[in-house]
């Protein structure tokens, strides 16, 4: 080995950008991972409540009637009962 030879890349630990190594400003950061950011789309707006629907009013009516007879009734049971009544055409 001659004395005039450059020691720039002797050990192979430090690589230039041209030799395949990543530059610090070019995606070497682990937090970014070298990925491009996605472009944002339109934001969805929340629907404003306009009061209870007709179905909800009917379910609550059935619920109140059931609650008068049995205090341990749950709203889910009233929904099932109202659904059955609607299928039969009673509601």
PDB file of N, CA and C in Angstrom:
ATOM      1  N   UNK A   1       0.842  -1.175   0.000  1.00  0.00           N
ATOM      2  CA  UNK A   1       0.000   0.000   0.000  1.00  0.00           C
ATOM      3  C   UNK A   1       0.885   1.236   0.000  1.00  0.00           C
ATOM      4  N   UNK A   2       0.536   2.180  -0.864  1.00  0.00           N
ATOM      5  CA  UNK A   2       1.378   3.362  -0.960  1.00  0.00           C
ATOM      6  C   UNK A   2       0.927   4.422   0.035  1.00  0.00           C
ATOM      7  N   UNK A   3       1.824   5.325   0.371  1.00  0.00           N
ATOM      8  CA  UNK A   3       1.551   6.355   1.353  1.00  0.00           C
ATOM      9  C   UNK A   3       0.679   7.468   0.780  1.00  0.00           C
ATOM     10  N   UNK A   4       0.639   7.660  -0.508  1.00  0.00           N
ATOM     11  CA  UNK A   4      -0.121   8.740  -1.136  1.00  0.00           C
ATOM     12  C   UNK A   4      -1.612   8.398  -1.304  1.00  0.00           C
ATOM     13  N   UNK A   5      -1.977   7.216  -0.977  1.00  0.00           N
ATOM     14  CA  UNK A   5      -3.362   6.784  -1.162  1.00  0.00           C
ATOM     15  C   UNK A   5      -4.289   7.471  -0.140  1.00  0.00           C
ATOM     16  N   UNK A   6      -5.471   7.805  -0.574  1.00  0.00           N
ATOM     17  CA  UNK A   6      -6.428   8.499   0.277  1.00  0.00           C
ATOM     18  C   UNK A   6      -7.035   7.538   1.298  1.00  0.00           C
ATOM     19  N   UNK A   7      -7.253   8.031   2.516  1.00  0.00           N
ATOM     20  CA  UNK A   7      -7.858   7.220   3.569  1.00  0.00           C
ATOM     21  C   UNK A   7      -9.348   7.555   3.731  1.00  0.00           C
ATOM     22  N   UNK A   8      -9.926   8.208   2.747  1.00  0.00           N
ATOM     23  CA  UNK A   8     -11.286   8.694   2.853  1.00  0.00           C
ATOM     24  C   UNK A   8     -12.289   7.569   3.112  1.00  0.00           C
ATOM     25  N   UNK A   9     -12.207   6.497   2.382  1.00  0.00           N
ATOM     26  CA  UNK A   9     -13.180   5.417   2.515  1.00  0.00           C
ATOM     27  C   UNK A   9     -12.475   4.089   2.735  1.00  0.00           C
ATOM     28  N   UNK A  10     -11.511   4.088   3.613  1.00  0.00           N
ATOM     29  CA  UNK A  10     -10.715   2.886   3.813  1.00  0.00           C
ATOM     30  C   UNK A  10     -11.504   1.794   4.525  1.00  0.00           C
ATOM     31  N   UNK A  11     -12.192   2.142   5.591  1.00  0.00           N
ATOM     32  CA  UNK A  11     -12.903   1.142   6.369  1.00  0.00           C
ATOM     33  C   UNK A  11     -14.279   0.808   5.826  1.00  0.00           C
ATOM     34  N   UNK A  12     -14.833   1.623   4.956  1.00  0.00           N
ATOM     35  CA  UNK A  12     -16.157   1.380   4.404  1.00  0.00           C
ATOM     36  C   UNK A  12     -17.285   1.860   5.296  1.00  0.00           C
ATOM     37  N   UNK A  13     -16.969   2.457   6.425  1.00  0.00           N
ATOM     38  CA  UNK A  13     -17.998   2.890   7.354  1.00  0.00           C
ATOM     39  C   UNK A  13     -18.686   4.170   6.877  1.00  0.00           C
ATOM     40  N   UNK A  14     -17.984   5.015   6.220  1.00  0.00           N
ATOM     41  CA  UNK A  14     -18.537   6.285   5.759  1.00  0.00           C
ATOM     42  C   UNK A  14     -18.685   6.230   4.244  1.00  0.00           C
ATOM     43  N   UNK A  15     -19.900   6.350   3.759  1.00  0.00           N
ATOM     44  CA  UNK A  15     -20.122   6.269   2.312  1.00  0.00           C
ATOM     45  C   UNK A  15     -20.634   7.609   1.797  1.00  0.00           C
ATOM     46  N   UNK A  16     -20.254   7.948   0.610  1.00  0.00           N
ATOM     47  CA  UNK A  16     -20.747   9.164  -0.021  1.00  0.00           C
ATOM     48  C   UNK A  16     -22.142   8.941  -0.566  1.00  0.00           C
ATOM     49  N   UNK A  17     -22.805  10.022  -0.897  1.00  0.00           N
ATOM     50  CA  UNK A  17     -24.125   9.959  -1.486  1.00  0.00           C
ATOM     51  C   UNK A  17     -24.070   9.231  -2.833  1.00  0.00           C
ATOM     52  N   UNK A  18     -23.007   9.426  -3.564  1.00  0.00           N
ATOM     53  CA  UNK A  18     -22.862   8.804  -4.878  1.00  0.00           C
ATOM     54  C   UNK A  18     -22.615   7.305  -4.759  1.00  0.00           C
ATOM     55  N   UNK A  19     -22.063   6.860  -3.658  1.00  0.00           N
ATOM     56  CA  UNK A  19     -21.709   5.454  -3.498  1.00  0.00           C
ATOM     57  C   UNK A  19     -22.844   4.631  -2.893  1.00  0.00           C
ATOM     58  N   UNK A  20     -24.019   5.218  -2.700  1.00  0.00           N
ATOM     59  CA  UNK A  20     -25.145   4.439  -2.209  1.00  0.00           C
ATOM     60  C   UNK A  20     -25.554   4.754  -0.787  1.00  0.00           C
ATOM     61  N   UNK A  21     -24.827   5.587  -0.071  1.00  0.00           N
ATOM     62  CA  UNK A  21     -25.195   5.938   1.293  1.00  0.00           C
ATOM     63  C   UNK A  21     -26.266   7.015   1.311  1.00  0.00           C
ATOM     64  N   UNK A  22     -26.991   7.127   2.405  1.00  0.00           N
ATOM     65  CA  UNK A  22     -28.034   8.147   2.509  1.00  0.00           C
ATOM     66  C   UNK A  22     -27.471   9.405   3.136  1.00  0.00           C
ATOM     67  N   UNK A  23     -27.833  10.518   2.571  1.00  0.00           N
ATOM     68  CA  UNK A  23     -27.449  11.803   3.116  1.00  0.00           C
ATOM     69  C   UNK A  23     -28.352  12.104   4.312  1.00  0.00           C
ATOM     70  N   UNK A  24     -27.886  12.837   5.294  1.00  0.00           N
ATOM     71  CA  UNK A  24     -28.668  13.116   6.494  1.00  0.00           C
ATOM     72  C   UNK A  24     -29.954  13.863   6.165  1.00  0.00           C
ATOM     73  N   UNK A  25     -29.922  14.748   5.188  1.00  0.00           N
ATOM     74  CA  UNK A  25     -31.099  15.539   4.848  1.00  0.00           C
ATOM     75  C   UNK A  25     -32.016  14.793   3.877  1.00  0.00           C
ATOM     76  N   UNK A  26     -31.639  13.635   3.439  1.00  0.00           N
ATOM     77  CA  UNK A  26     -32.386  12.952   2.384  1.00  0.00           C
ATOM     78  C   UNK A  26     -33.103  11.705   2.893  1.00  0.00           C
ATOM     79  N   UNK A  27     -33.692  11.733   4.062  1.00  0.00           N
ATOM     80  CA  UNK A  27     -34.480  10.605   4.521  1.00  0.00           C
ATOM     81  C   UNK A  27     -33.739   9.684   5.459  1.00  0.00           C
ATOM     82  N   UNK A  28     -32.645  10.131   6.033  1.00  0.00           N
ATOM     83  CA  UNK A  28     -31.929   9.308   6.979  1.00  0.00           C
ATOM     84  C   UNK A  28     -32.562   9.331   8.364  1.00  0.00           C
ATOM     85  N   UNK A  29     -33.541  10.167   8.572  1.00  0.00           N
ATOM     86  CA  UNK A  29     -34.210  10.308   9.859  1.00  0.00           C
ATOM     87  C   UNK A  29     -35.154   9.137  10.084  1.00  0.00           C
ATOM     88  N   UNK A  30     -35.058   8.462  11.221  1.00  0.00           N
ATOM     89  CA  UNK A  30     -35.905   7.301  11.503  1.00  0.00           C
ATOM     90  C   UNK A  30     -37.352   7.694  11.728  1.00  0.00           C
ATOM     91  N   UNK A  31     -37.600   8.878  12.256  1.00  0.00           N
ATOM     92  CA  UNK A  31     -38.964   9.303  12.555  1.00  0.00           C
ATOM     93  C   UNK A  31     -39.787   9.454  11.277  1.00  0.00           C
ATOM     94  N   UNK A  32     -39.180   9.958  10.226  1.00  0.00           N
ATOM     95  CA  UNK A  32     -39.901  10.129   8.968  1.00  0.00           C
ATOM     96  C   UNK A  32     -39.914   8.853   8.158  1.00  0.00           C
ATOM     97  N   UNK A  33     -38.898   8.059   8.257  1.00  0.00           N
ATOM     98  CA  UNK A  33     -38.828   6.805   7.535  1.00  0.00           C
ATOM     99  C   UNK A  33     -38.672   6.984   6.033  1.00  0.00           C
ATOM    100  N   UNK A  34     -38.432   8.181   5.565  1.00  0.00           N
ATOM    101  CA  UNK A  34     -38.224   8.407   4.150  1.00  0.00           C
ATOM    102  C   UNK A  34     -39.505   8.328   3.339  1.00  0.00           C
ATOM    103  N   UNK A  35     -40.667   8.320   3.968  1.00  0.00           N
ATOM    104  CA  UNK A  35     -41.932   8.213   3.242  1.00  0.00           C
ATOM    105  C   UNK A  35     -42.473   9.603   2.929  1.00  0.00           C
ATOM    106  N   UNK A  36     -43.194   9.691   1.834  1.00  0.00           N
ATOM    107  CA  UNK A  36     -43.838  10.948   1.473  1.00  0.00           C
ATOM    108  C   UNK A  36     -45.135  11.089   2.253  1.00  0.00           C
ATOM    109  N   UNK A  37     -45.505  12.323   2.554  1.00  0.00           N
ATOM    110  CA  UNK A  37     -46.750  12.570   3.265  1.00  0.00           C
ATOM    111  C   UNK A  37     -47.919  12.435   2.298  1.00  0.00           C
ATOM    112  N   UNK A  38     -49.048  11.918   2.806  1.00  0.00           N
ATOM    113  CA  UNK A  38     -50.247  11.812   1.990  1.00  0.00           C
ATOM    114  C   UNK A  38     -50.923  13.168   1.931  1.00  0.00           C
ATOM    115  N   UNK A  39     -51.535  13.433   0.797  1.00  0.00           N
ATOM    116  CA  UNK A  39     -52.262  14.688   0.680  1.00  0.00           C
ATOM    117  C   UNK A  39     -53.603  14.551   1.368  1.00  0.00           C
ATOM    118  N   UNK A  40     -54.010  15.576   2.064  1.00  0.00           N
ATOM    119  CA  UNK A  40     -55.271  15.547   2.786  1.00  0.00           C
ATOM    120  C   UNK A  40     -56.447  15.775   1.862  1.00  0.00           C
ATOM    121  N   UNK A  41     -57.550  15.135   2.168  1.00  0.00           N
ATOM    122  CA  UNK A  41     -58.763  15.320   1.390  1.00  0.00           C
ATOM    123  C   UNK A  41     -59.689  16.300   2.070  1.00  0.00           C
ATOM    124  N   UNK A  42     -60.943  16.300   1.624  1.00  0.00           N
ATOM    125  CA  UNK A  42     -61.924  17.186   2.248  1.00  0.00           C
ATOM    126  C   UNK A  42     -62.282  16.661   3.622  1.00  0.00           C
ATOM    127  N   UNK A  43     -62.490  17.555   4.550  1.00  0.00           N
ATOM    128  CA  UNK A  43     -62.926  17.153   5.879  1.00  0.00           C
ATOM    129  C   UNK A  43     -64.419  16.887   5.851  1.00  0.00           C
ATOM    130  N   UNK A  44     -64.813  15.852   6.577  1.00  0.00           N
ATOM    131  CA  UNK A  44     -66.229  15.534   6.660  1.00  0.00           C
ATOM    132  C   UNK A  44     -66.855  16.379   7.766  1.00  0.00           C
ATOM    133  N   UNK A  45     -67.999  16.940   7.462  1.00  0.00           N
ATOM    134  CA  UNK A  45     -68.683  17.755   8.464  1.00  0.00           C
ATOM    135  C   UNK A  45     -69.686  16.886   9.208  1.00  0.00           C
ATOM    136  N   UNK A  46     -69.918  17.210  10.450  1.00  0.00           N
ATOM    137  CA  UNK A  46     -70.869  16.456  11.266  1.00  0.00           C
ATOM    138  C   UNK A  46     -72.289  16.867  10.921  1.00  0.00           C
ATOM    139  N   UNK A  47     -73.166  15.900  10.923  1.00  0.00           N
ATOM    140  CA  UNK A  47     -74.568  16.165  10.644  1.00  0.00           C
ATOM    141  C   UNK A  47     -75.209  16.740  11.908  1.00  0.00           C
ATOM    142  N   UNK A  48     -75.922  17.799  11.750  1.00  0.00           N
ATOM    143  CA  UNK A  48     -76.578  18.430  12.895  1.00  0.00           C
ATOM    144  C   UNK A  48     -77.858  17.667  13.218  1.00  0.00           C
ATOM    145  N   UNK A  49     -78.101  17.438  14.488  1.00  0.00           N
ATOM    146  CA  UNK A  49     -79.303  16.737  14.917  1.00  0.00           C
ATOM    147  C   UNK A  49     -80.515  17.648  14.734  1.00  0.00           C
ATOM    148  N   UNK A  50     -81.557  17.068  14.167  1.00  0.00           N
ATOM    149  CA  UNK A  50     -82.769  17.848  13.927  1.00  0.00           C
ATOM    150  C   UNK A  50     -83.905  17.356  14.806  1.00  0.00           C
ATOM    151  N   UNK A  51     -83.608  16.764  15.924  1.00  0.00           N
ATOM    152  CA  UNK A  51     -84.628  16.247  16.822  1.00  0.00           C
ATOM    153  C   UNK A  51     -84.859  14.765  16.561  1.00  0.00           C
ATOM    154  N   UNK A  52     -85.679  14.144  17.389  1.00  0.00           N
ATOM    155  CA  UNK A  52     -85.923  12.711  17.244  1.00  0.00           C
ATOM    156  C   UNK A  52     -86.710  12.389  15.974  1.00  0.00           C
ATOM    157  N   UNK A  53     -86.362  11.269  15.355  1.00  0.00           N
ATOM    158  CA  UNK A  53     -87.062  10.841  14.150  1.00  0.00           C
ATOM    159  C   UNK A  53     -88.420  10.248  14.520  1.00  0.00           C
ATOM    160  N   UNK A  54     -89.225   9.974  13.515  1.00  0.00           N
ATOM    161  CA  UNK A  54     -90.543   9.388  13.754  1.00  0.00           C
ATOM    162  C   UNK A  54     -90.400   8.010  14.404  1.00  0.00           C
ATOM    163  N   UNK A  55     -89.436   7.239  13.920  1.00  0.00           N
ATOM    164  CA  UNK A  55     -89.201   5.900  14.484  1.00  0.00           C
ATOM    165  C   UNK A  55     -88.805   6.000  15.954  1.00  0.00           C
ATOM    166  N   UNK A  56     -87.938   6.940  16.258  1.00  0.00           N
ATOM    167  CA  UNK A  56     -87.480   7.108  17.637  1.00  0.00           C
ATOM    168  C   UNK A  56     -88.645   7.490  18.557  1.00  0.00           C
ATOM    169  N   UNK A  57     -89.526   8.333  18.075  1.00  0.00           N
ATOM    170  CA  UNK A  57     -90.694   8.726  18.868  1.00  0.00           C
ATOM    171  C   UNK A  57     -91.580   7.517  19.171  1.00  0.00           C
ATOM    172  N   UNK A  58     -91.778   6.670  18.162  1.00  0.00           N
ATOM    173  CA  UNK A  58     -92.619   5.485  18.342  1.00  0.00           C
ATOM    174  C   UNK A  58     -91.985   4.504  19.315  1.00  0.00           C
ATOM    175  N   UNK A  59     -90.665   4.316  19.194  1.00  0.00           N
ATOM    176  CA  UNK A  59     -89.956   3.411  20.104  1.00  0.00           C
ATOM    177  C   UNK A  59     -90.064   3.916  21.536  1.00  0.00           C
ATOM    178  N   UNK A  60     -89.920   5.202  21.732  1.00  0.00           N
ATOM    179  CA  UNK A  60     -90.014   5.765  23.089  1.00  0.00           C
ATOM    180  C   UNK A  60     -91.427   5.629  23.659  1.00  0.00           C
ATOM    181  N   UNK A  61     -92.424   5.723  22.793  1.00  0.00           N
ATOM    182  CA  UNK A  61     -93.806   5.535  23.232  1.00  0.00           C
ATOM    183  C   UNK A  61     -94.019   4.096  23.720  1.00  0.00           C
ATOM    184  N   UNK A  62     -93.500   3.130  22.938  1.00  0.00           N
ATOM    185  CA  UNK A  62     -93.592   1.712  23.330  1.00  0.00           C
ATOM    186  C   UNK A  62     -92.815   1.482  24.624  1.00  0.00           C
ATOM    187  N   UNK A  63     -91.649   2.110  24.729  1.00  0.00           N
ATOM    188  CA  UNK A  63     -90.806   1.962  25.928  1.00  0.00           C
ATOM    189  C   UNK A  63     -91.524   2.470  27.177  1.00  0.00           C
ATOM    190  N   UNK A  64     -92.176   3.627  27.077  1.00  0.00           N
ATOM    191  CA  UNK A  64     -92.886   4.186  28.236  1.00  0.00           C
ATOM    192  C   UNK A  64     -94.048   3.280  28.665  1.00  0.00           C
ATOM    193  N   UNK A  65     -94.768   2.720  27.661  1.00  0.00           N
ATOM    194  CA  UNK A  65     -95.870   1.803  27.980  1.00  0.00           C
ATOM    195  C   UNK A  65     -95.347   0.548  28.686  1.00  0.00           C
ATOM    196  N   UNK A  66     -94.227   0.016  28.183  1.00  0.00           N
ATOM    197  CA  UNK A  66     -93.640  -1.181  28.791  1.00  0.00           C
ATOM    198  C   UNK A  66     -93.094  -0.864  30.181  1.00  0.00           C
ATOM    199  N   UNK A  67     -92.551   0.321  30.353  1.00  0.00           N
ATOM    200  CA  UNK A  67     -91.950   0.729  31.630  1.00  0.00           C
ATOM    201  C   UNK A  67     -93.018   0.873  32.722  1.00  0.00           C
ATOM    202  N   UNK A  68     -94.225   1.291  32.323  1.00  0.00           N
ATOM    203  CA  UNK A  68     -95.326   1.412  33.296  1.00  0.00           C
ATOM    204  C   UNK A  68     -95.680   0.044  33.891  1.00  0.00           C
ATOM    205  N   UNK A  69     -95.615  -0.989  33.027  1.00  0.00           N
ATOM    206  CA  UNK A  69     -95.977  -2.336  33.473  1.00  0.00           C
ATOM    207  C   UNK A  69     -94.848  -3.025  34.224  1.00  0.00           C
ATOM    208  N   UNK A  70     -93.613  -2.828  33.732  1.00  0.00           N
ATOM    209  CA  UNK A  70     -92.463  -3.506  34.334  1.00  0.00           C
ATOM    210  C   UNK A  70     -91.292  -2.519  34.410  1.00  0.00           C
ATOM    211  N   UNK A  71     -90.835  -2.204  35.626  1.00  0.00           N
ATOM    212  CA  UNK A  71     -89.775  -1.203  35.821  1.00  0.00           C
ATOM    213  C   UNK A  71     -88.400  -1.672  35.348  1.00  0.00           C
ATOM    214  N   UNK A  72     -88.217  -2.989  35.188  1.00  0.00           N
ATOM    215  CA  UNK A  72     -86.895  -3.506  34.806  1.00  0.00           C
ATOM    216  C   UNK A  72     -86.705  -3.614  33.294  1.00  0.00           C
ATOM    217  N   UNK A  73     -87.628  -3.063  32.502  1.00  0.00           N
ATOM    218  CA  UNK A  73     -87.552  -3.137  31.043  1.00  0.00           C
ATOM    219  C   UNK A  73     -86.422  -2.241  30.541  1.00  0.00           C
ATOM    220  N   UNK A  74     -85.719  -2.743  29.524  1.00  0.00           N
ATOM    221  CA  UNK A  74     -84.639  -1.966  28.905  1.00  0.00           C
ATOM    222  C   UNK A  74     -85.075  -1.436  27.544  1.00  0.00           C
ATOM    223  N   UNK A  75     -84.372  -0.433  27.077  1.00  0.00           N
ATOM    224  CA  UNK A  75     -84.710   0.193  25.802  1.00  0.00           C
ATOM    225  C   UNK A  75     -84.554  -0.787  24.639  1.00  0.00           C
ATOM    226  N   UNK A  76     -83.571  -1.674  24.717  1.00  0.00           N
ATOM    227  CA  UNK A  76     -83.355  -2.661  23.653  1.00  0.00           C
ATOM    228  C   UNK A  76     -84.563  -3.563  23.465  1.00  0.00           C
ATOM    229  N   UNK A  77     -85.201  -3.935  24.574  1.00  0.00           N
ATOM    230  CA  UNK A  77     -86.405  -4.765  24.499  1.00  0.00           C
ATOM    231  C   UNK A  77     -87.545  -3.993  23.834  1.00  0.00           C
ATOM    232  N   UNK A  78     -87.636  -2.710  24.119  1.00  0.00           N
ATOM    233  CA  UNK A  78     -88.673  -1.883  23.506  1.00  0.00           C
ATOM    234  C   UNK A  78     -88.425  -1.737  22.007  1.00  0.00           C
ATOM    235  N   UNK A  79     -87.189  -1.662  21.608  1.00  0.00           N
ATOM    236  CA  UNK A  79     -86.864  -1.569  20.178  1.00  0.00           C
ATOM    237  C   UNK A  79     -87.295  -2.844  19.456  1.00  0.00           C
ATOM    238  N   UNK A  80     -87.011  -3.990  20.055  1.00  0.00           N
ATOM    239  CA  UNK A  80     -87.417  -5.257  19.446  1.00  0.00           C
ATOM    240  C   UNK A  80     -88.938  -5.341  19.344  1.00  0.00           C
ATOM    241  N   UNK A  81     -89.615  -4.951  20.397  1.00  0.00           N
ATOM    242  CA  UNK A  81     -91.075  -5.002  20.406  1.00  0.00           C
ATOM    243  C   UNK A  81     -91.659  -4.049  19.371  1.00  0.00           C
ATOM    244  N   UNK A  82     -91.102  -2.852  19.264  1.00  0.00           N
ATOM    245  CA  UNK A  82     -91.574  -1.877  18.283  1.00  0.00           C
ATOM    246  C   UNK A  82     -91.324  -2.385  16.863  1.00  0.00           C
ATOM    247  N   UNK A  83     -90.205  -3.055  16.646  1.00  0.00           N
ATOM    248  CA  UNK A  83     -89.892  -3.614  15.338  1.00  0.00           C
ATOM    249  C   UNK A  83     -90.907  -4.692  14.956  1.00  0.00           C
ATOM    250  N   UNK A  84     -91.241  -5.554  15.921  1.00  0.00           N
ATOM    251  CA  UNK A  84     -92.241  -6.596  15.670  1.00  0.00           C
ATOM    252  C   UNK A  84     -93.603  -5.971  15.371  1.00  0.00           C
ATOM    253  N   UNK A  85     -93.954  -4.934  16.125  1.00  0.00           N
ATOM    254  CA  UNK A  85     -95.240  -4.267  15.909  1.00  0.00           C
ATOM    255  C   UNK A  85     -95.291  -3.612  14.527  1.00  0.00           C
ATOM    256  N   UNK A  86     -94.175  -3.061  14.085  1.00  0.00           N
ATOM    257  CA  UNK A  86     -94.119  -2.412  12.776  1.00  0.00           C
ATOM    258  C   UNK A  86     -94.288  -3.442  11.658  1.00  0.00           C
ATOM    259  N   UNK A  87     -93.652  -4.615  11.829  1.00  0.00           N
ATOM    260  CA  UNK A  87     -93.775  -5.676  10.829  1.00  0.00           C
ATOM    261  C   UNK A  87     -95.221  -6.168  10.719  1.00  0.00           C
ATOM    262  N   UNK A  88     -95.939  -6.185  11.835  1.00  0.00           N
ATOM    263  CA  UNK A  88     -97.339  -6.621  11.844  1.00  0.00           C
ATOM    264  C   UNK A  88     -98.286  -5.526  11.381  1.00  0.00           C
ATOM    265  N   UNK A  89     -97.774  -4.315  11.293  1.00  0.00           N
ATOM    266  CA  UNK A  89     -98.592  -3.180  10.849  1.00  0.00           C
ATOM    267  C   UNK A  89     -99.331  -2.491  11.977  1.00  0.00           C
ATOM    268  N   UNK A  90     -98.978  -2.773  13.200  1.00  0.00           N
ATOM    269  CA  UNK A  90     -99.645  -2.156  14.354  1.00  0.00           C
ATOM    270  C   UNK A  90     -99.065  -0.788  14.686  1.00  0.00           C
ATOM    271  N   UNK A  91     -97.906  -0.519  14.242  1.00  0.00           N
ATOM    272  CA  UNK A  91     -97.226   0.721  14.615  1.00  0.00           C
ATOM    273  C   UNK A  91     -97.137   1.650  13.418  1.00  0.00           C
TER     274      UNK A  91
END
